[in-house]
C-alpha atoms as a PDB file:
ATOM      1  CA  MET A   1      32.251 -31.321  21.608  1.00  0.00           C
ATOM      2  CA  LYS A   2      31.657 -34.262  23.934  1.00  0.00           C
ATOM      3  CA  VAL A   3      28.007 -34.197  25.035  1.00  0.00           C
ATOM      4  CA  LEU A   4      26.189 -36.087  27.797  1.00  0.00           C
ATOM      5  CA  LEU A   5      22.666 -36.725  26.538  1.00  0.00           C
ATOM      6  CA  VAL A   6      20.199 -37.443  29.351  1.00  0.00           C
ATOM      7  CA  GLY A   7      16.982 -39.072  28.182  1.00  0.00           C
ATOM      8  CA  ALA A   8      18.473 -40.663  25.076  1.00  0.00           C
ATOM      9  CA  THR A   9      15.629 -43.193  24.698  1.00  0.00           C
ATOM     10  CA  GLY A  10      12.888 -40.560  24.418  1.00  0.00           C
ATOM     11  CA  ASN A  11      11.356 -39.268  21.200  1.00  0.00           C
ATOM     12  CA  LEU A  12      13.517 -36.141  21.130  1.00  0.00           C
ATOM     13  CA  GLY A  13      16.491 -37.933  22.685  1.00  0.00           C
ATOM     14  CA  LEU A  14      16.720 -40.454  19.849  1.00  0.00           C
ATOM     15  CA  ARG A  15      16.679 -37.664  17.260  1.00  0.00           C
ATOM     16  CA  LEU A  16      19.343 -35.840  19.256  1.00  0.00           C
ATOM     17  CA  VAL A  17      21.652 -38.841  19.132  1.00  0.00           C
ATOM     18  CA  ALA A  18      21.504 -38.656  15.336  1.00  0.00           C
ATOM     19  CA  ALA A  19      21.707 -34.854  15.157  1.00  0.00           C
ATOM     20  CA  LEU A  20      24.655 -34.605  17.553  1.00  0.00           C
ATOM     21  CA  LEU A  21      26.595 -37.245  15.613  1.00  0.00           C
ATOM     22  CA  THR A  22      25.725 -35.515  12.343  1.00  0.00           C
ATOM     23  CA  HIS A  23      27.163 -32.236  13.642  1.00  0.00           C
ATOM     24  CA  GLY A  24      30.389 -33.925  14.685  1.00  0.00           C
ATOM     25  CA  HIS A  25      29.843 -34.219  18.432  1.00  0.00           C
ATOM     26  CA  ASP A  26      30.851 -37.202  20.561  1.00  0.00           C
ATOM     27  CA  VAL A  27      27.761 -38.603  22.303  1.00  0.00           C
ATOM     28  CA  VAL A  28      27.614 -40.107  25.786  1.00  0.00           C
ATOM     29  CA  ALA A  29      24.073 -41.426  26.131  1.00  0.00           C
ATOM     30  CA  TYR A  30      22.756 -41.530  29.715  1.00  0.00           C
ATOM     31  CA  ALA A  31      19.831 -43.924  29.934  1.00  0.00           C
ATOM     32  CA  ARG A  32      18.210 -46.335  32.377  1.00  0.00           C
ATOM     33  CA  SER A  33      18.798 -49.273  30.047  1.00  0.00           C
ATOM     34  CA  SER A  34      21.514 -49.738  27.444  1.00  0.00           C
ATOM     35  CA  LYS A  35      19.533 -52.697  26.087  1.00  0.00           C
ATOM     36  CA  ARG A  36      16.494 -50.498  25.450  1.00  0.00           C
ATOM     37  CA  LEU A  37      18.595 -47.842  23.739  1.00  0.00           C
ATOM     38  CA  GLY A  38      20.199 -50.515  21.572  1.00  0.00           C
ATOM     39  CA  ALA A  39      16.760 -51.758  20.553  1.00  0.00           C
ATOM     40  CA  LEU A  40      15.627 -48.255  19.547  1.00  0.00           C
ATOM     41  CA  LEU A  41      18.691 -47.235  17.543  1.00  0.00           C
ATOM     42  CA  PRO A  42      20.088 -48.838  14.396  1.00  0.00           C
ATOM     43  CA  GLU A  43      23.173 -50.886  15.275  1.00  0.00           C
ATOM     44  CA  ALA A  44      25.424 -48.641  13.181  1.00  0.00           C
ATOM     45  CA  VAL A  45      24.267 -45.585  15.157  1.00  0.00           C
ATOM     46  CA  TYR A  46      24.325 -47.312  18.554  1.00  0.00           C
ATOM     47  CA  ASN A  47      27.936 -48.369  17.990  1.00  0.00           C
ATOM     48  CA  LYS A  48      28.960 -44.717  17.632  1.00  0.00           C
ATOM     49  CA  VAL A  49      27.867 -43.682  21.135  1.00  0.00           C
ATOM     50  CA  THR A  50      29.136 -44.343  24.641  1.00  0.00           C
ATOM     51  CA  VAL A  51      26.334 -45.554  26.909  1.00  0.00           C
ATOM     52  CA  VAL A  52      26.137 -44.896  30.663  1.00  0.00           C
ATOM     53  CA  GLU A  53      23.297 -46.487  32.603  1.00  0.00           C
ATOM     54  CA  GLY A  54      21.710 -44.403  35.340  1.00  0.00           C
ATOM     55  CA  ASN A  55      18.615 -42.742  36.712  1.00  0.00           C
ATOM     56  CA  ALA A  56      17.841 -39.197  35.574  1.00  0.00           C
ATOM     57  CA  THR A  57      16.958 -38.189  39.138  1.00  0.00           C
ATOM     58  CA  ASP A  58      20.384 -39.215  40.510  1.00  0.00           C
ATOM     59  CA  THR A  59      22.493 -36.053  40.760  1.00  0.00           C
ATOM     60  CA  THR A  60      25.655 -37.882  41.817  1.00  0.00           C
ATOM     61  CA  SER A  61      25.485 -40.373  38.938  1.00  0.00           C
ATOM     62  CA  ILE A  62      24.955 -37.573  36.429  1.00  0.00           C
ATOM     63  CA  LYS A  63      27.944 -35.676  37.803  1.00  0.00           C
ATOM     64  CA  ARG A  64      30.092 -38.822  37.632  1.00  0.00           C
ATOM     65  CA  ALA A  65      29.014 -39.502  34.055  1.00  0.00           C
ATOM     66  CA  ILE A  66      30.099 -35.993  33.080  1.00  0.00           C
ATOM     67  CA  LEU A  67      33.452 -36.174  34.855  1.00  0.00           C
ATOM     68  CA  ASP A  68      34.332 -39.778  33.991  1.00  0.00           C
ATOM     69  CA  ASN A  69      33.713 -39.130  30.287  1.00  0.00           C
ATOM     70  CA  ASP A  70      35.174 -35.598  30.285  1.00  0.00           C
ATOM     71  CA  CYS A  71      31.977 -34.123  28.816  1.00  0.00           C
ATOM     72  CA  GLU A  72      31.963 -30.453  27.876  1.00  0.00           C
ATOM     73  CA  ALA A  73      28.192 -30.096  27.526  1.00  0.00           C
ATOM     74  CA  VAL A  74      24.926 -31.672  28.650  1.00  0.00           C
ATOM     75  CA  VAL A  75      21.553 -31.954  26.951  1.00  0.00           C
ATOM     76  CA  ASN A  76      18.535 -33.027  29.010  1.00  0.00           C
ATOM     77  CA  THR A  77      15.362 -34.310  27.375  1.00  0.00           C
ATOM     78  CA  ALA A  78      14.288 -36.717  30.135  1.00  0.00           C
ATOM     79  CA  GLY A  79      10.784 -36.484  31.542  1.00  0.00           C
ATOM     80  CA  VAL A  80       7.484 -35.601  29.934  1.00  0.00           C
ATOM     81  CA  ALA A  81       5.704 -32.286  30.447  1.00  0.00           C
ATOM     82  CA  ALA A  82       2.097 -32.685  31.557  1.00  0.00           C
ATOM     83  CA  MET A  83      -0.259 -30.716  29.330  1.00  0.00           C
ATOM     84  CA  ALA A  84      -3.251 -30.467  31.657  1.00  0.00           C
ATOM     85  CA  PRO A  85      -3.083 -28.177  34.736  1.00  0.00           C
ATOM     86  CA  TRP A  86      -4.316 -30.950  37.064  1.00  0.00           C
ATOM     87  CA  ARG A  87      -1.674 -33.519  36.028  1.00  0.00           C
ATOM     88  CA  ARG A  88       1.747 -33.861  37.651  1.00  0.00           C
ATOM     89  CA  ASN A  89       4.898 -35.880  36.978  1.00  0.00           C
ATOM     90  CA  ASN A  90       8.556 -36.012  37.984  1.00  0.00           C
ATOM     91  CA  MET A  91       9.788 -33.469  35.441  1.00  0.00           C
ATOM     92  CA  PRO A  92      10.888 -30.927  38.120  1.00  0.00           C
ATOM     93  CA  GLU A  93      12.800 -33.628  40.021  1.00  0.00           C
ATOM     94  CA  ILE A  94      14.651 -34.713  36.874  1.00  0.00           C
ATOM     95  CA  PHE A  95      15.300 -31.127  35.816  1.00  0.00           C
ATOM     96  CA  SER A  96      16.756 -30.247  39.219  1.00  0.00           C
ATOM     97  CA  ALA A  97      18.943 -33.366  39.393  1.00  0.00           C
ATOM     98  CA  VAL A  98      20.442 -32.852  35.933  1.00  0.00           C
ATOM     99  CA  LEU A  99      21.026 -29.167  36.569  1.00  0.00           C
ATOM    100  CA  LYS A 100      22.715 -29.795  39.934  1.00  0.00           C
ATOM    101  CA  GLY A 101      24.848 -32.598  38.530  1.00  0.00           C
ATOM    102  CA  THR A 102      26.010 -30.329  35.725  1.00  0.00           C
ATOM    103  CA  GLN A 103      26.703 -27.444  38.102  1.00  0.00           C
ATOM    104  CA  GLN A 104      28.696 -29.665  40.473  1.00  0.00           C
ATOM    105  CA  ALA A 105      30.705 -31.196  37.633  1.00  0.00           C
ATOM    106  CA  GLY A 106      31.525 -27.740  36.299  1.00  0.00           C
ATOM    107  CA  SER A 107      32.665 -26.680  39.739  1.00  0.00           C
ATOM    108  CA  GLU A 108      35.060 -29.652  39.913  1.00  0.00           C
ATOM    109  CA  LYS A 109      36.335 -28.878  36.403  1.00  0.00           C
ATOM    110  CA  ASN A 110      36.738 -25.198  37.373  1.00  0.00           C
ATOM    111  CA  GLN A 111      34.657 -24.026  34.436  1.00  0.00           C
ATOM    112  CA  PRO A 112      30.926 -23.657  33.823  1.00  0.00           C
ATOM    113  CA  LEU A 113      29.523 -26.353  31.564  1.00  0.00           C
ATOM    114  CA  ARG A 114      27.194 -25.763  28.644  1.00  0.00           C
ATOM    115  CA  ILE A 115      23.705 -27.247  29.050  1.00  0.00           C
ATOM    116  CA  TRP A 116      20.543 -27.302  26.983  1.00  0.00           C
ATOM    117  CA  LEU A 117      17.344 -28.118  28.872  1.00  0.00           C
ATOM    118  CA  LEU A 118      13.819 -28.581  27.623  1.00  0.00           C
ATOM    119  CA  GLY A 119      11.092 -26.151  28.625  1.00  0.00           C
ATOM    120  CA  GLY A 120       7.758 -25.292  27.061  1.00  0.00           C
ATOM    121  CA  LEU A 121       6.006 -22.491  25.221  1.00  0.00           C
ATOM    122  CA  GLY A 122       4.207 -21.488  28.412  1.00  0.00           C
ATOM    123  CA  VAL A 123       7.293 -20.063  30.158  1.00  0.00           C
ATOM    124  CA  LEU A 124       7.985 -17.613  27.355  1.00  0.00           C
ATOM    125  CA  ASN A 125       6.714 -14.072  27.827  1.00  0.00           C
ATOM    126  CA  PHE A 126       3.625 -12.749  26.118  1.00  0.00           C
ATOM    127  CA  PRO A 127       5.308 -10.413  23.574  1.00  0.00           C
ATOM    128  CA  GLY A 128       5.713  -6.881  24.873  1.00  0.00           C
ATOM    129  CA  THR A 129       5.251  -7.943  28.497  1.00  0.00           C
ATOM    130  CA  GLU A 130       7.126  -9.771  31.241  1.00  0.00           C
ATOM    131  CA  THR A 131       4.177 -12.082  31.935  1.00  0.00           C
ATOM    132  CA  MET A 132       4.441 -15.779  31.074  1.00  0.00           C
ATOM    133  CA  LEU A 133       2.124 -17.154  28.411  1.00  0.00           C
ATOM    134  CA  SER A 134       1.033 -19.865  30.851  1.00  0.00           C
ATOM    135  CA  ASN A 135      -0.752 -17.126  32.810  1.00  0.00           C
ATOM    136  CA  TYR A 136      -3.166 -16.971  29.874  1.00  0.00           C
ATOM    137  CA  VAL A 137      -3.048 -20.561  28.591  1.00  0.00           C
ATOM    138  CA  PRO A 138      -2.311 -22.966  31.492  1.00  0.00           C
ATOM    139  CA  ILE A 139       0.031 -25.449  29.759  1.00  0.00           C
ATOM    140  CA  PHE A 140       3.529 -26.730  30.572  1.00  0.00           C
ATOM    141  CA  LEU A 141       3.055 -25.571  34.172  1.00  0.00           C
ATOM    142  CA  GLU A 142       5.918 -27.722  35.528  1.00  0.00           C
ATOM    143  CA  HIS A 143       8.372 -25.571  33.633  1.00  0.00           C
ATOM    144  CA  ARG A 144       7.496 -22.495  35.683  1.00  0.00           C
ATOM    145  CA  GLU A 145       9.279 -24.115  38.630  1.00  0.00           C
ATOM    146  CA  ASN A 146      12.175 -25.146  36.397  1.00  0.00           C
ATOM    147  CA  ILE A 147      12.871 -21.690  35.030  1.00  0.00           C
ATOM    148  CA  LYS A 148      12.889 -20.311  38.579  1.00  0.00           C
ATOM    149  CA  LEU A 149      15.729 -22.741  39.350  1.00  0.00           C
ATOM    150  CA  LEU A 150      17.696 -21.479  36.372  1.00  0.00           C
ATOM    151  CA  ARG A 151      17.234 -17.828  37.247  1.00  0.00           C
ATOM    152  CA  ALA A 152      18.293 -18.477  40.860  1.00  0.00           C
ATOM    153  CA  LEU A 153      21.657 -19.963  39.841  1.00  0.00           C
ATOM    154  CA  PRO A 154      24.818 -18.101  40.904  1.00  0.00           C
ATOM    155  CA  PRO A 155      26.278 -16.122  37.978  1.00  0.00           C
ATOM    156  CA  HIS A 156      28.619 -18.069  35.671  1.00  0.00           C
ATOM    157  CA  SER A 157      27.960 -21.395  37.426  1.00  0.00           C
ATOM    158  CA  VAL A 158      26.228 -23.003  34.406  1.00  0.00           C
ATOM    159  CA  ASP A 159      25.972 -21.818  30.790  1.00  0.00           C
ATOM    160  CA  TRP A 160      22.328 -22.780  30.362  1.00  0.00           C
ATOM    161  CA  SER A 161      19.765 -22.446  27.608  1.00  0.00           C
ATOM    162  CA  LEU A 162      16.116 -23.521  27.804  1.00  0.00           C
ATOM    163  CA  LEU A 163      14.479 -24.602  24.560  1.00  0.00           C
ATOM    164  CA  CYS A 164      10.748 -23.792  24.717  1.00  0.00           C
ATOM    165  CA  PRO A 165       8.834 -25.533  21.942  1.00  0.00           C
ATOM    166  CA  SER A 166       5.120 -26.056  21.652  1.00  0.00           C
ATOM    167  CA  THR A 167       3.915 -29.383  20.243  1.00  0.00           C
ATOM    168  CA  MET A 168       6.641 -31.475  18.579  1.00  0.00           C
ATOM    169  CA  VAL A 169       5.811 -34.142  15.991  1.00  0.00           C
ATOM    170  CA  ALA A 170       7.987 -36.757  14.336  1.00  0.00           C
ATOM    171  CA  GLU A 171       8.861 -36.417  10.659  1.00  0.00           C
ATOM    172  CA  LYS A 172       9.701 -40.121  10.442  1.00  0.00           C
ATOM    173  CA  SER A 173       9.943 -43.069  12.797  1.00  0.00           C
ATOM    174  CA  GLU A 174      13.443 -44.241  11.929  1.00  0.00           C
ATOM    175  CA  VAL A 175      16.687 -42.610  13.106  1.00  0.00           C
ATOM    176  CA  SER A 176      19.700 -42.398  10.820  1.00  0.00           C
ATOM    177  CA  VAL A 177      23.076 -40.684  10.519  1.00  0.00           C
ATOM    178  CA  PRO A 178      23.552 -38.316   8.878  1.00  0.00           C
ATOM    179  CA  ALA A 179      20.267 -36.941  10.176  1.00  0.00           C
ATOM    180  CA  LYS A 180      18.063 -35.367   7.526  1.00  0.00           C
ATOM    181  CA  SER A 181      15.010 -33.165   7.929  1.00  0.00           C
ATOM    182  CA  SER A 182      12.421 -32.427   5.278  1.00  0.00           C
ATOM    183  CA  HIS A 183      11.734 -29.096   6.998  1.00  0.00           C
ATOM    184  CA  GLY A 184      13.778 -25.916   7.187  1.00  0.00           C
ATOM    185  CA  ARG A 185      15.815 -24.553  10.082  1.00  0.00           C
ATOM    186  CA  LEU A 186      13.938 -23.021  12.974  1.00  0.00           C
ATOM    187  CA  THR A 187      13.668 -19.302  13.630  1.00  0.00           C
ATOM    188  CA  ALA A 188      14.449 -18.442  17.254  1.00  0.00           C
ATOM    189  CA  GLU A 189      14.030 -15.582  19.718  1.00  0.00           C
ATOM    190  CA  ALA A 190      15.081 -15.187  23.337  1.00  0.00           C
ATOM    191  CA  SER A 191      12.358 -14.919  26.000  1.00  0.00           C
ATOM    192  CA  SER A 192       9.345 -14.561  23.663  1.00  0.00           C
ATOM    193  CA  PRO A 193       7.782 -16.542  20.791  1.00  0.00           C
ATOM    194  CA  PRO A 194       9.280 -15.382  17.471  1.00  0.00           C
ATOM    195  CA  LEU A 195       7.109 -14.000  14.648  1.00  0.00           C
ATOM    196  CA  TRP A 196       4.150 -13.474  16.981  1.00  0.00           C
ATOM    197  CA  LYS A 197       0.978 -12.303  15.218  1.00  0.00           C
ATOM    198  CA  ASP A 198      -0.297  -9.316  17.153  1.00  0.00           C
ATOM    199  CA  SER A 199      -3.909  -8.141  17.115  1.00  0.00           C
ATOM    200  CA  TRP A 200      -6.213  -5.522  18.575  1.00  0.00           C
ATOM    201  CA  LEU A 201      -7.925  -8.441  20.314  1.00  0.00           C
ATOM    202  CA  LYS A 202      -5.387  -8.233  23.143  1.00  0.00           C
ATOM    203  CA  HIS A 203      -7.063  -5.007  24.304  1.00  0.00           C
ATOM    204  CA  ILE A 204     -10.338  -6.761  25.109  1.00  0.00           C
ATOM    205  CA  PRO A 205     -10.678  -6.580  28.917  1.00  0.00           C
ATOM    206  CA  PHE A 206      -9.858  -9.762  30.838  1.00  0.00           C
ATOM    207  CA  LEU A 207     -10.005 -12.196  27.884  1.00  0.00           C
ATOM    208  CA  GLY A 208      -8.116 -10.399  25.115  1.00  0.00           C
ATOM    209  CA  LYS A 209      -4.649 -11.825  25.756  1.00  0.00           C
ATOM    210  CA  VAL A 210      -6.116 -15.262  26.476  1.00  0.00           C
ATOM    211  CA  ILE A 211      -7.794 -15.239  23.055  1.00  0.00           C
ATOM    212  CA  LEU A 212      -4.681 -13.986  21.262  1.00  0.00           C
ATOM    213  CA  ALA A 213      -2.406 -16.515  22.972  1.00  0.00           C
ATOM    214  CA  GLY A 214      -4.799 -19.312  22.048  1.00  0.00           C
ATOM    215  CA  MET A 215      -4.871 -18.155  18.426  1.00  0.00           C
ATOM    216  CA  ASN A 216      -1.091 -18.025  18.163  1.00  0.00           C
ATOM    217  CA  ALA A 217      -0.223 -21.248  20.004  1.00  0.00           C
ATOM    218  CA  PRO A 218      -0.942 -23.710  17.127  1.00  0.00           C
ATOM    219  CA  ARG A 219       1.503 -21.801  14.879  1.00  0.00           C
ATOM    220  CA  TYR A 220       4.431 -22.989  16.996  1.00  0.00           C
ATOM    221  CA  GLU A 221       4.223 -26.692  16.207  1.00  0.00           C
ATOM    222  CA  THR A 222       7.645 -27.966  15.111  1.00  0.00           C
ATOM    223  CA  THR A 223       9.212 -31.355  14.462  1.00  0.00           C
ATOM    224  CA  LEU A 224      11.419 -33.416  16.740  1.00  0.00           C
ATOM    225  CA  GLU A 225      14.075 -33.465  14.044  1.00  0.00           C
ATOM    226  CA  GLN A 226      14.095 -29.660  13.730  1.00  0.00           C
ATOM    227  CA  ASN A 227      14.537 -29.193  17.473  1.00  0.00           C
ATOM    228  CA  ALA A 228      17.293 -31.809  17.654  1.00  0.00           C
ATOM    229  CA  ASP A 229      19.152 -30.114  14.817  1.00  0.00           C
ATOM    230  CA  PHE A 230      18.745 -26.695  16.458  1.00  0.00           C
ATOM    231  CA  ILE A 231      20.407 -27.849  19.698  1.00  0.00           C
ATOM    232  CA  ALA A 232      23.132 -29.890  17.996  1.00  0.00           C
ATOM    233  CA  SER A 233      24.004 -27.017  15.678  1.00  0.00           C
ATOM    234  CA  ASP A 234      24.119 -24.480  18.512  1.00  0.00           C
ATOM    235  CA  LEU A 235      26.558 -26.606  20.539  1.00  0.00           C
ATOM    236  CA  LYS A 236      29.152 -26.057  17.815  1.00  0.00           C
ATOM    237  CA  ASP A 237      29.239 -22.371  18.819  1.00  0.00           C
ATOM    238  CA  ARG A 238      31.266 -21.738  21.977  1.00  0.00           C
ATOM    239  CA  GLU A 239      29.789 -18.224  22.160  1.00  0.00           C
ATOM    240  CA  SER A 240      26.137 -19.131  21.708  1.00  0.00           C
ATOM    241  CA  PRO A 241      23.683 -16.205  21.648  1.00  0.00           C
ATOM    242  CA  TRP A 242      21.237 -18.323  23.642  1.00  0.00           C
ATOM    243  CA  ILE A 243      23.246 -18.713  26.855  1.00  0.00           C
ATOM    244  CA  GLY A 244      21.179 -17.628  29.855  1.00  0.00           C
ATOM    245  CA  ALA A 245      17.909 -17.474  27.943  1.00  0.00           C
ATOM    246  CA  PRO A 246      14.637 -19.320  27.415  1.00  0.00           C
ATOM    247  CA  VAL A 247      14.394 -19.742  23.643  1.00  0.00           C
ATOM    248  CA  GLY A 248      11.215 -19.639  21.585  1.00  0.00           C
ATOM    249  CA  ILE A 249      11.245 -21.319  18.182  1.00  0.00           C
ATOM    250  CA  ILE A 250       9.012 -21.464  15.111  1.00  0.00           C
ATOM    251  CA  ASP A 251       9.078 -23.067  11.688  1.00  0.00           C
ATOM    252  CA  ALA A 252       8.748 -19.881   9.657  1.00  0.00           C
ATOM    253  CA  ALA A 253       8.035 -21.861   6.493  1.00  0.00           C
ATOM    254  CA  ARG A 254       4.806 -23.396   7.832  1.00  0.00           C
END
């Protein structure tokens, strides 16, 4: 599959370049600076990708990159989610621009395009409810706006999936192809965190679910390499089970 990768110079983006190539995809890297991307990737890896320079907030440029390179899928990792409730950044603007560019390109191609976007643990539901975890632990708040955009899309206009990790850490600093991870494959679940540890504590009035969410949250740390592999592997499946869903993931071996 030919994939437009937006945010290729980021921590997850660099690992996705390697993972996508490892899984046999053709990579079109969309970045503000080809020179910066070339400095971050080994020459042998950089030479395997097509680079398009552009701003991640430019809907028209993103659409053109998709159409000019005949991309079948898009992955967006651009932008950084603010952890603290009082901080703000341009994540929603980037998210909206990439989503619109993908939707418009699909409309011109007369078929919905596949897209993976990055969300956060906070927009998953507290297991057994339809209430977001960020109602109890106020993190990844920008993604609440982003998931509303996805759910407001006309049916069959974009085949979207929203990966919702907690903290991601690097296994190693260098990027290589084939990509190798020292950790196992991730376990996933739609809409809620997988393998949630339930407790009677949730029945404590007012604070119970806050306490339980806070106890569970550290269990969902994963690696950048694991998440990159998860997305790259899924894009090989034209009938992905994750289309139209926010996806929680966990390293079950931790």
